[in-house]
């Protein structure tokens, strides 16, 4: 899945200033947040795109999100 970092208008209780979302056009809702390695938001400029292995997930009684397990790593897309 192709994802990108961005700065949301409001964090809505989420941690951090920079968040990650799916890129539009992949059949995944681009408003979902991606749970991923903190390096992706701390070590790269906002707007960087990454290729990750990910799946849709849902917190018990909560919202749907995309999970990109840390162990799978990621690739920076130029």
PDB file of N, CA and C in Angstrom:
ATOM      1  N   UNK A   1       0.846  -1.169   0.000  1.00  0.00           N
ATOM      2  CA  UNK A   1       0.000   0.000   0.000  1.00  0.00           C
ATOM      3  C   UNK A   1       0.895   1.237   0.000  1.00  0.00           C
ATOM      4  N   UNK A   2       0.509   2.218  -0.768  1.00  0.00           N
ATOM      5  CA  UNK A   2       1.227   3.483  -0.815  1.00  0.00           C
ATOM      6  C   UNK A   2       0.604   4.433   0.193  1.00  0.00           C
ATOM      7  N   UNK A   3       1.433   4.992   1.076  1.00  0.00           N
ATOM      8  CA  UNK A   3       0.959   5.916   2.113  1.00  0.00           C
ATOM      9  C   UNK A   3       1.813   7.177   2.078  1.00  0.00           C
ATOM     10  N   UNK A   4       1.316   8.239   2.723  1.00  0.00           N
ATOM     11  CA  UNK A   4       2.060   9.494   2.769  1.00  0.00           C
ATOM     12  C   UNK A   4       1.894  10.154   4.126  1.00  0.00           C
ATOM     13  N   UNK A   5       2.902  10.908   4.533  1.00  0.00           N
ATOM     14  CA  UNK A   5       2.816  11.650   5.792  1.00  0.00           C
ATOM     15  C   UNK A   5       2.160  12.996   5.522  1.00  0.00           C
ATOM     16  N   UNK A   6       1.465  13.509   6.539  1.00  0.00           N
ATOM     17  CA  UNK A   6       0.783  14.795   6.416  1.00  0.00           C
ATOM     18  C   UNK A   6       0.565  15.383   7.799  1.00  0.00           C
ATOM     19  N   UNK A   7       0.243  16.677   7.847  1.00  0.00           N
ATOM     20  CA  UNK A   7      -0.092  17.349   9.096  1.00  0.00           C
ATOM     21  C   UNK A   7      -1.591  17.617   9.062  1.00  0.00           C
ATOM     22  N   UNK A   8      -2.355  16.971   9.957  1.00  0.00           N
ATOM     23  CA  UNK A   8      -3.815  17.173   9.952  1.00  0.00           C
ATOM     24  C   UNK A   8      -4.194  18.537  10.523  1.00  0.00           C
ATOM     25  N   UNK A   9      -5.369  19.021  10.134  1.00  0.00           N
ATOM     26  CA  UNK A   9      -5.870  20.293  10.654  1.00  0.00           C
ATOM     27  C   UNK A   9      -6.126  20.190  12.153  1.00  0.00           C
ATOM     28  N   UNK A  10      -6.590  19.019  12.600  1.00  0.00           N
ATOM     29  CA  UNK A  10      -6.829  18.766  14.028  1.00  0.00           C
ATOM     30  C   UNK A  10      -6.393  17.336  14.328  1.00  0.00           C
ATOM     31  N   UNK A  11      -5.777  17.130  15.460  1.00  0.00           N
ATOM     32  CA  UNK A  11      -5.282  15.791  15.785  1.00  0.00           C
ATOM     33  C   UNK A  11      -6.347  14.905  16.406  1.00  0.00           C
ATOM     34  N   UNK A  12      -7.414  15.447  16.918  1.00  0.00           N
ATOM     35  CA  UNK A  12      -8.524  14.659  17.431  1.00  0.00           C
ATOM     36  C   UNK A  12      -8.127  13.627  18.470  1.00  0.00           C
ATOM     37  N   UNK A  13      -7.193  13.974  19.332  1.00  0.00           N
ATOM     38  CA  UNK A  13      -6.776  13.057  20.382  1.00  0.00           C
ATOM     39  C   UNK A  13      -5.655  12.118  19.996  1.00  0.00           C
ATOM     40  N   UNK A  14      -5.208  12.181  18.744  1.00  0.00           N
ATOM     41  CA  UNK A  14      -4.103  11.332  18.299  1.00  0.00           C
ATOM     42  C   UNK A  14      -2.775  11.976  18.658  1.00  0.00           C
ATOM     43  N   UNK A  15      -1.787  11.152  18.846  1.00  0.00           N
ATOM     44  CA  UNK A  15      -0.466  11.654  19.236  1.00  0.00           C
ATOM     45  C   UNK A  15       0.327  12.139  18.029  1.00  0.00           C
ATOM     46  N   UNK A  16       1.192  13.072  18.278  1.00  0.00           N
ATOM     47  CA  UNK A  16       2.107  13.537  17.242  1.00  0.00           C
ATOM     48  C   UNK A  16       1.515  14.585  16.330  1.00  0.00           C
ATOM     49  N   UNK A  17       2.393  15.391  15.766  1.00  0.00           N
ATOM     50  CA  UNK A  17       1.994  16.453  14.844  1.00  0.00           C
ATOM     51  C   UNK A  17       1.818  15.924  13.433  1.00  0.00           C
ATOM     52  N   UNK A  18       2.639  14.937  13.045  1.00  0.00           N
ATOM     53  CA  UNK A  18       2.608  14.379  11.695  1.00  0.00           C
ATOM     54  C   UNK A  18       1.938  13.005  11.739  1.00  0.00           C
ATOM     55  N   UNK A  19       1.030  12.774  10.788  1.00  0.00           N
ATOM     56  CA  UNK A  19       0.305  11.512  10.701  1.00  0.00           C
ATOM     57  C   UNK A  19       0.550  10.896   9.329  1.00  0.00           C
ATOM     58  N   UNK A  20       0.076   9.667   9.143  1.00  0.00           N
ATOM     59  CA  UNK A  20       0.243   8.961   7.868  1.00  0.00           C
ATOM     60  C   UNK A  20      -1.128   8.477   7.413  1.00  0.00           C
ATOM     61  N   UNK A  21      -1.380   8.592   6.088  1.00  0.00           N
ATOM     62  CA  UNK A  21      -2.664   8.174   5.507  1.00  0.00           C
ATOM     63  C   UNK A  21      -2.413   7.447   4.191  1.00  0.00           C
ATOM     64  N   UNK A  22      -3.383   6.630   3.744  1.00  0.00           N
ATOM     65  CA  UNK A  22      -3.258   5.986   2.432  1.00  0.00           C
ATOM     66  C   UNK A  22      -3.356   7.031   1.317  1.00  0.00           C
ATOM     67  N   UNK A  23      -2.633   6.808   0.247  1.00  0.00           N
ATOM     68  CA  UNK A  23      -2.712   7.679  -0.925  1.00  0.00           C
ATOM     69  C   UNK A  23      -4.005   7.348  -1.672  1.00  0.00           C
ATOM     70  N   UNK A  24      -4.683   8.363  -2.183  1.00  0.00           N
ATOM     71  CA  UNK A  24      -5.934   8.214  -2.928  1.00  0.00           C
ATOM     72  C   UNK A  24      -5.746   7.325  -4.162  1.00  0.00           C
ATOM     73  N   UNK A  25      -6.799   6.565  -4.504  1.00  0.00           N
ATOM     74  CA  UNK A  25      -6.806   5.783  -5.733  1.00  0.00           C
ATOM     75  C   UNK A  25      -6.423   4.333  -5.561  1.00  0.00           C
ATOM     76  N   UNK A  26      -6.401   3.832  -4.338  1.00  0.00           N
ATOM     77  CA  UNK A  26      -6.022   2.439  -4.096  1.00  0.00           C
ATOM     78  C   UNK A  26      -7.181   1.581  -3.598  1.00  0.00           C
ATOM     79  N   UNK A  27      -8.375   2.184  -3.502  1.00  0.00           N
ATOM     80  CA  UNK A  27      -9.517   1.455  -2.990  1.00  0.00           C
ATOM     81  C   UNK A  27      -9.572   1.433  -1.464  1.00  0.00           C
ATOM     82  N   UNK A  28      -8.719   2.228  -0.817  1.00  0.00           N
ATOM     83  CA  UNK A  28      -8.709   2.365   0.638  1.00  0.00           C
ATOM     84  C   UNK A  28      -9.069   3.815   0.958  1.00  0.00           C
ATOM     85  N   UNK A  29      -9.936   4.009   1.914  1.00  0.00           N
ATOM     86  CA  UNK A  29     -10.364   5.348   2.305  1.00  0.00           C
ATOM     87  C   UNK A  29      -9.156   6.198   2.726  1.00  0.00           C
ATOM     88  N   UNK A  30      -8.855   7.287   2.022  1.00  0.00           N
ATOM     89  CA  UNK A  30      -7.686   8.108   2.347  1.00  0.00           C
ATOM     90  C   UNK A  30      -7.836   8.927   3.636  1.00  0.00           C
ATOM     91  N   UNK A  31      -9.019   8.884   4.255  1.00  0.00           N
ATOM     92  CA  UNK A  31      -9.187   9.585   5.528  1.00  0.00           C
ATOM     93  C   UNK A  31      -8.794   8.707   6.718  1.00  0.00           C
ATOM     94  N   UNK A  32      -8.533   7.418   6.469  1.00  0.00           N
ATOM     95  CA  UNK A  32      -8.105   6.529   7.551  1.00  0.00           C
ATOM     96  C   UNK A  32      -6.671   6.864   7.948  1.00  0.00           C
ATOM     97  N   UNK A  33      -6.359   6.684   9.207  1.00  0.00           N
ATOM     98  CA  UNK A  33      -4.988   6.876   9.664  1.00  0.00           C
ATOM     99  C   UNK A  33      -4.246   5.552   9.616  1.00  0.00           C
ATOM    100  N   UNK A  34      -2.942   5.634   9.414  1.00  0.00           N
ATOM    101  CA  UNK A  34      -2.089   4.446   9.349  1.00  0.00           C
ATOM    102  C   UNK A  34      -1.253   4.367  10.615  1.00  0.00           C
ATOM    103  N   UNK A  35      -1.329   3.235  11.291  1.00  0.00           N
ATOM    104  CA  UNK A  35      -0.464   2.975  12.442  1.00  0.00           C
ATOM    105  C   UNK A  35       0.814   2.363  11.881  1.00  0.00           C
ATOM    106  N   UNK A  36       1.945   3.042  12.077  1.00  0.00           N
ATOM    107  CA  UNK A  36       3.185   2.623  11.438  1.00  0.00           C
ATOM    108  C   UNK A  36       4.395   3.005  12.287  1.00  0.00           C
ATOM    109  N   UNK A  37       5.561   2.727  11.754  1.00  0.00           N
ATOM    110  CA  UNK A  37       6.806   3.046  12.438  1.00  0.00           C
ATOM    111  C   UNK A  37       6.931   4.550  12.673  1.00  0.00           C
ATOM    112  N   UNK A  38       7.328   4.912  13.853  1.00  0.00           N
ATOM    113  CA  UNK A  38       7.502   6.325  14.215  1.00  0.00           C
ATOM    114  C   UNK A  38       8.601   6.981  13.361  1.00  0.00           C
ATOM    115  N   UNK A  39       9.533   6.192  12.886  1.00  0.00           N
ATOM    116  CA  UNK A  39      10.604   6.717  12.015  1.00  0.00           C
ATOM    117  C   UNK A  39      10.023   7.406  10.785  1.00  0.00           C
ATOM    118  N   UNK A  40       8.902   6.896  10.293  1.00  0.00           N
ATOM    119  CA  UNK A  40       8.309   7.453   9.080  1.00  0.00           C
ATOM    120  C   UNK A  40       7.863   8.896   9.278  1.00  0.00           C
ATOM    121  N   UNK A  41       7.462   9.259  10.480  1.00  0.00           N
ATOM    122  CA  UNK A  41       7.019  10.629  10.732  1.00  0.00           C
ATOM    123  C   UNK A  41       8.119  11.490  11.347  1.00  0.00           C
ATOM    124  N   UNK A  42       9.097  10.873  11.986  1.00  0.00           N
ATOM    125  CA  UNK A  42      10.159  11.635  12.647  1.00  0.00           C
ATOM    126  C   UNK A  42      11.386  11.872  11.775  1.00  0.00           C
ATOM    127  N   UNK A  43      11.702  10.929  10.889  1.00  0.00           N
ATOM    128  CA  UNK A  43      12.964  10.982  10.144  1.00  0.00           C
ATOM    129  C   UNK A  43      12.839  11.474   8.702  1.00  0.00           C
ATOM    130  N   UNK A  44      11.608  11.716   8.228  1.00  0.00           N
ATOM    131  CA  UNK A  44      11.411  12.133   6.841  1.00  0.00           C
ATOM    132  C   UNK A  44      10.522  13.371   6.798  1.00  0.00           C
ATOM    133  N   UNK A  45      10.685  14.212   5.760  1.00  0.00           N
ATOM    134  CA  UNK A  45       9.861  15.422   5.665  1.00  0.00           C
ATOM    135  C   UNK A  45       8.383  15.092   5.436  1.00  0.00           C
ATOM    136  N   UNK A  46       7.513  15.995   5.860  1.00  0.00           N
ATOM    137  CA  UNK A  46       6.072  15.849   5.632  1.00  0.00           C
ATOM    138  C   UNK A  46       5.820  15.765   4.132  1.00  0.00           C
ATOM    139  N   UNK A  47       4.956  14.846   3.732  1.00  0.00           N
ATOM    140  CA  UNK A  47       4.646  14.659   2.318  1.00  0.00           C
ATOM    141  C   UNK A  47       5.401  13.500   1.692  1.00  0.00           C
ATOM    142  N   UNK A  48       6.334  12.896   2.437  1.00  0.00           N
ATOM    143  CA  UNK A  48       7.071  11.740   1.932  1.00  0.00           C
ATOM    144  C   UNK A  48       6.112  10.578   1.744  1.00  0.00           C
ATOM    145  N   UNK A  49       6.305   9.838   0.662  1.00  0.00           N
ATOM    146  CA  UNK A  49       5.479   8.657   0.389  1.00  0.00           C
ATOM    147  C   UNK A  49       6.292   7.399   0.684  1.00  0.00           C
ATOM    148  N   UNK A  50       5.573   6.407   1.204  1.00  0.00           N
ATOM    149  CA  UNK A  50       6.190   5.145   1.589  1.00  0.00           C
ATOM    150  C   UNK A  50       5.383   3.987   1.030  1.00  0.00           C
ATOM    151  N   UNK A  51       6.055   2.898   0.733  1.00  0.00           N
ATOM    152  CA  UNK A  51       5.403   1.665   0.336  1.00  0.00           C
ATOM    153  C   UNK A  51       5.472   0.734   1.537  1.00  0.00           C
ATOM    154  N   UNK A  52       4.309   0.278   2.026  1.00  0.00           N
ATOM    155  CA  UNK A  52       4.241  -0.558   3.216  1.00  0.00           C
ATOM    156  C   UNK A  52       3.345  -1.770   2.971  1.00  0.00           C
ATOM    157  N   UNK A  53       3.541  -2.808   3.752  1.00  0.00           N
ATOM    158  CA  UNK A  53       2.599  -3.933   3.808  1.00  0.00           C
ATOM    159  C   UNK A  53       1.636  -3.587   4.928  1.00  0.00           C
ATOM    160  N   UNK A  54       0.351  -3.575   4.638  1.00  0.00           N
ATOM    161  CA  UNK A  54      -0.620  -3.108   5.627  1.00  0.00           C
ATOM    162  C   UNK A  54      -1.934  -3.861   5.502  1.00  0.00           C
ATOM    163  N   UNK A  55      -2.755  -3.725   6.541  1.00  0.00           N
ATOM    164  CA  UNK A  55      -4.088  -4.328   6.529  1.00  0.00           C
ATOM    165  C   UNK A  55      -5.044  -3.424   7.303  1.00  0.00           C
ATOM    166  N   UNK A  56      -6.337  -3.544   6.975  1.00  0.00           N
ATOM    167  CA  UNK A  56      -7.355  -2.811   7.718  1.00  0.00           C
ATOM    168  C   UNK A  56      -7.539  -3.479   9.069  1.00  0.00           C
ATOM    169  N   UNK A  57      -7.748  -2.682  10.086  1.00  0.00           N
ATOM    170  CA  UNK A  57      -7.938  -3.193  11.433  1.00  0.00           C
ATOM    171  C   UNK A  57      -8.972  -2.316  12.129  1.00  0.00           C
ATOM    172  N   UNK A  58      -9.466  -2.808  13.266  1.00  0.00           N
ATOM    173  CA  UNK A  58     -10.439  -2.027  14.019  1.00  0.00           C
ATOM    174  C   UNK A  58     -10.220  -2.274  15.502  1.00  0.00           C
ATOM    175  N   UNK A  59     -10.154  -1.191  16.241  1.00  0.00           N
ATOM    176  CA  UNK A  59     -10.043  -1.300  17.698  1.00  0.00           C
ATOM    177  C   UNK A  59     -11.372  -1.788  18.243  1.00  0.00           C
ATOM    178  N   UNK A  60     -11.332  -2.557  19.304  1.00  0.00           N
ATOM    179  CA  UNK A  60     -12.540  -3.088  19.920  1.00  0.00           C
ATOM    180  C   UNK A  60     -13.494  -1.942  20.251  1.00  0.00           C
ATOM    181  N   UNK A  61     -14.621  -1.927  19.575  1.00  0.00           N
ATOM    182  CA  UNK A  61     -15.614  -0.887  19.793  1.00  0.00           C
ATOM    183  C   UNK A  61     -15.196   0.479  19.289  1.00  0.00           C
ATOM    184  N   UNK A  62     -14.151   0.527  18.487  1.00  0.00           N
ATOM    185  CA  UNK A  62     -13.625   1.811  18.033  1.00  0.00           C
ATOM    186  C   UNK A  62     -13.627   1.969  16.528  1.00  0.00           C
ATOM    187  N   UNK A  63     -12.745   2.837  16.076  1.00  0.00           N
ATOM    188  CA  UNK A  63     -12.693   3.198  14.666  1.00  0.00           C
ATOM    189  C   UNK A  63     -11.797   2.257  13.851  1.00  0.00           C
ATOM    190  N   UNK A  64     -12.029   2.271  12.552  1.00  0.00           N
ATOM    191  CA  UNK A  64     -11.221   1.502  11.609  1.00  0.00           C
ATOM    192  C   UNK A  64      -9.957   2.294  11.303  1.00  0.00           C
ATOM    193  N   UNK A  65      -8.848   1.590  11.135  1.00  0.00           N
ATOM    194  CA  UNK A  65      -7.581   2.215  10.783  1.00  0.00           C
ATOM    195  C   UNK A  65      -6.764   1.224   9.965  1.00  0.00           C
ATOM    196  N   UNK A  66      -5.648   1.674   9.442  1.00  0.00           N
ATOM    197  CA  UNK A  66      -4.748   0.822   8.675  1.00  0.00           C
ATOM    198  C   UNK A  66      -3.534   0.520   9.547  1.00  0.00           C
ATOM    199  N   UNK A  67      -3.164  -0.736   9.608  1.00  0.00           N
ATOM    200  CA  UNK A  67      -2.025  -1.134  10.432  1.00  0.00           C
ATOM    201  C   UNK A  67      -0.903  -1.633   9.522  1.00  0.00           C
ATOM    202  N   UNK A  68       0.256  -0.995   9.643  1.00  0.00           N
ATOM    203  CA  UNK A  68       1.457  -1.393   8.905  1.00  0.00           C
ATOM    204  C   UNK A  68       2.464  -1.862   9.959  1.00  0.00           C
ATOM    205  N   UNK A  69       2.497  -3.167  10.247  1.00  0.00           N
ATOM    206  CA  UNK A  69       3.366  -3.672  11.326  1.00  0.00           C
ATOM    207  C   UNK A  69       4.821  -3.236  11.165  1.00  0.00           C
ATOM    208  N   UNK A  70       5.409  -2.825  12.274  1.00  0.00           N
ATOM    209  CA  UNK A  70       6.791  -2.338  12.297  1.00  0.00           C
ATOM    210  C   UNK A  70       7.761  -3.368  11.751  1.00  0.00           C
ATOM    211  N   UNK A  71       7.524  -4.622  12.028  1.00  0.00           N
ATOM    212  CA  UNK A  71       8.446  -5.692  11.633  1.00  0.00           C
ATOM    213  C   UNK A  71       8.547  -5.856  10.116  1.00  0.00           C
ATOM    214  N   UNK A  72       7.528  -5.424   9.376  1.00  0.00           N
ATOM    215  CA  UNK A  72       7.536  -5.575   7.918  1.00  0.00           C
ATOM    216  C   UNK A  72       8.372  -4.513   7.228  1.00  0.00           C
ATOM    217  N   UNK A  73       8.707  -3.454   7.924  1.00  0.00           N
ATOM    218  CA  UNK A  73       9.513  -2.395   7.325  1.00  0.00           C
ATOM    219  C   UNK A  73       8.732  -1.561   6.324  1.00  0.00           C
ATOM    220  N   UNK A  74       9.469  -0.719   5.605  1.00  0.00           N
ATOM    221  CA  UNK A  74       8.866   0.164   4.601  1.00  0.00           C
ATOM    222  C   UNK A  74       9.939   0.596   3.615  1.00  0.00           C
ATOM    223  N   UNK A  75       9.496   1.120   2.487  1.00  0.00           N
ATOM    224  CA  UNK A  75      10.398   1.676   1.480  1.00  0.00           C
ATOM    225  C   UNK A  75       9.971   3.104   1.190  1.00  0.00           C
ATOM    226  N   UNK A  76      10.928   3.993   1.042  1.00  0.00           N
ATOM    227  CA  UNK A  76      10.637   5.375   0.683  1.00  0.00           C
ATOM    228  C   UNK A  76      10.465   5.430  -0.834  1.00  0.00           C
ATOM    229  N   UNK A  77       9.392   6.077  -1.288  1.00  0.00           N
ATOM    230  CA  UNK A  77       9.112   6.196  -2.714  1.00  0.00           C
ATOM    231  C   UNK A  77       9.544   7.580  -3.174  1.00  0.00           C
ATOM    232  N   UNK A  78      10.362   7.640  -4.198  1.00  0.00           N
ATOM    233  CA  UNK A  78      10.877   8.916  -4.709  1.00  0.00           C
ATOM    234  C   UNK A  78       9.818   9.661  -5.489  1.00  0.00           C
TER     235      UNK A  78
END
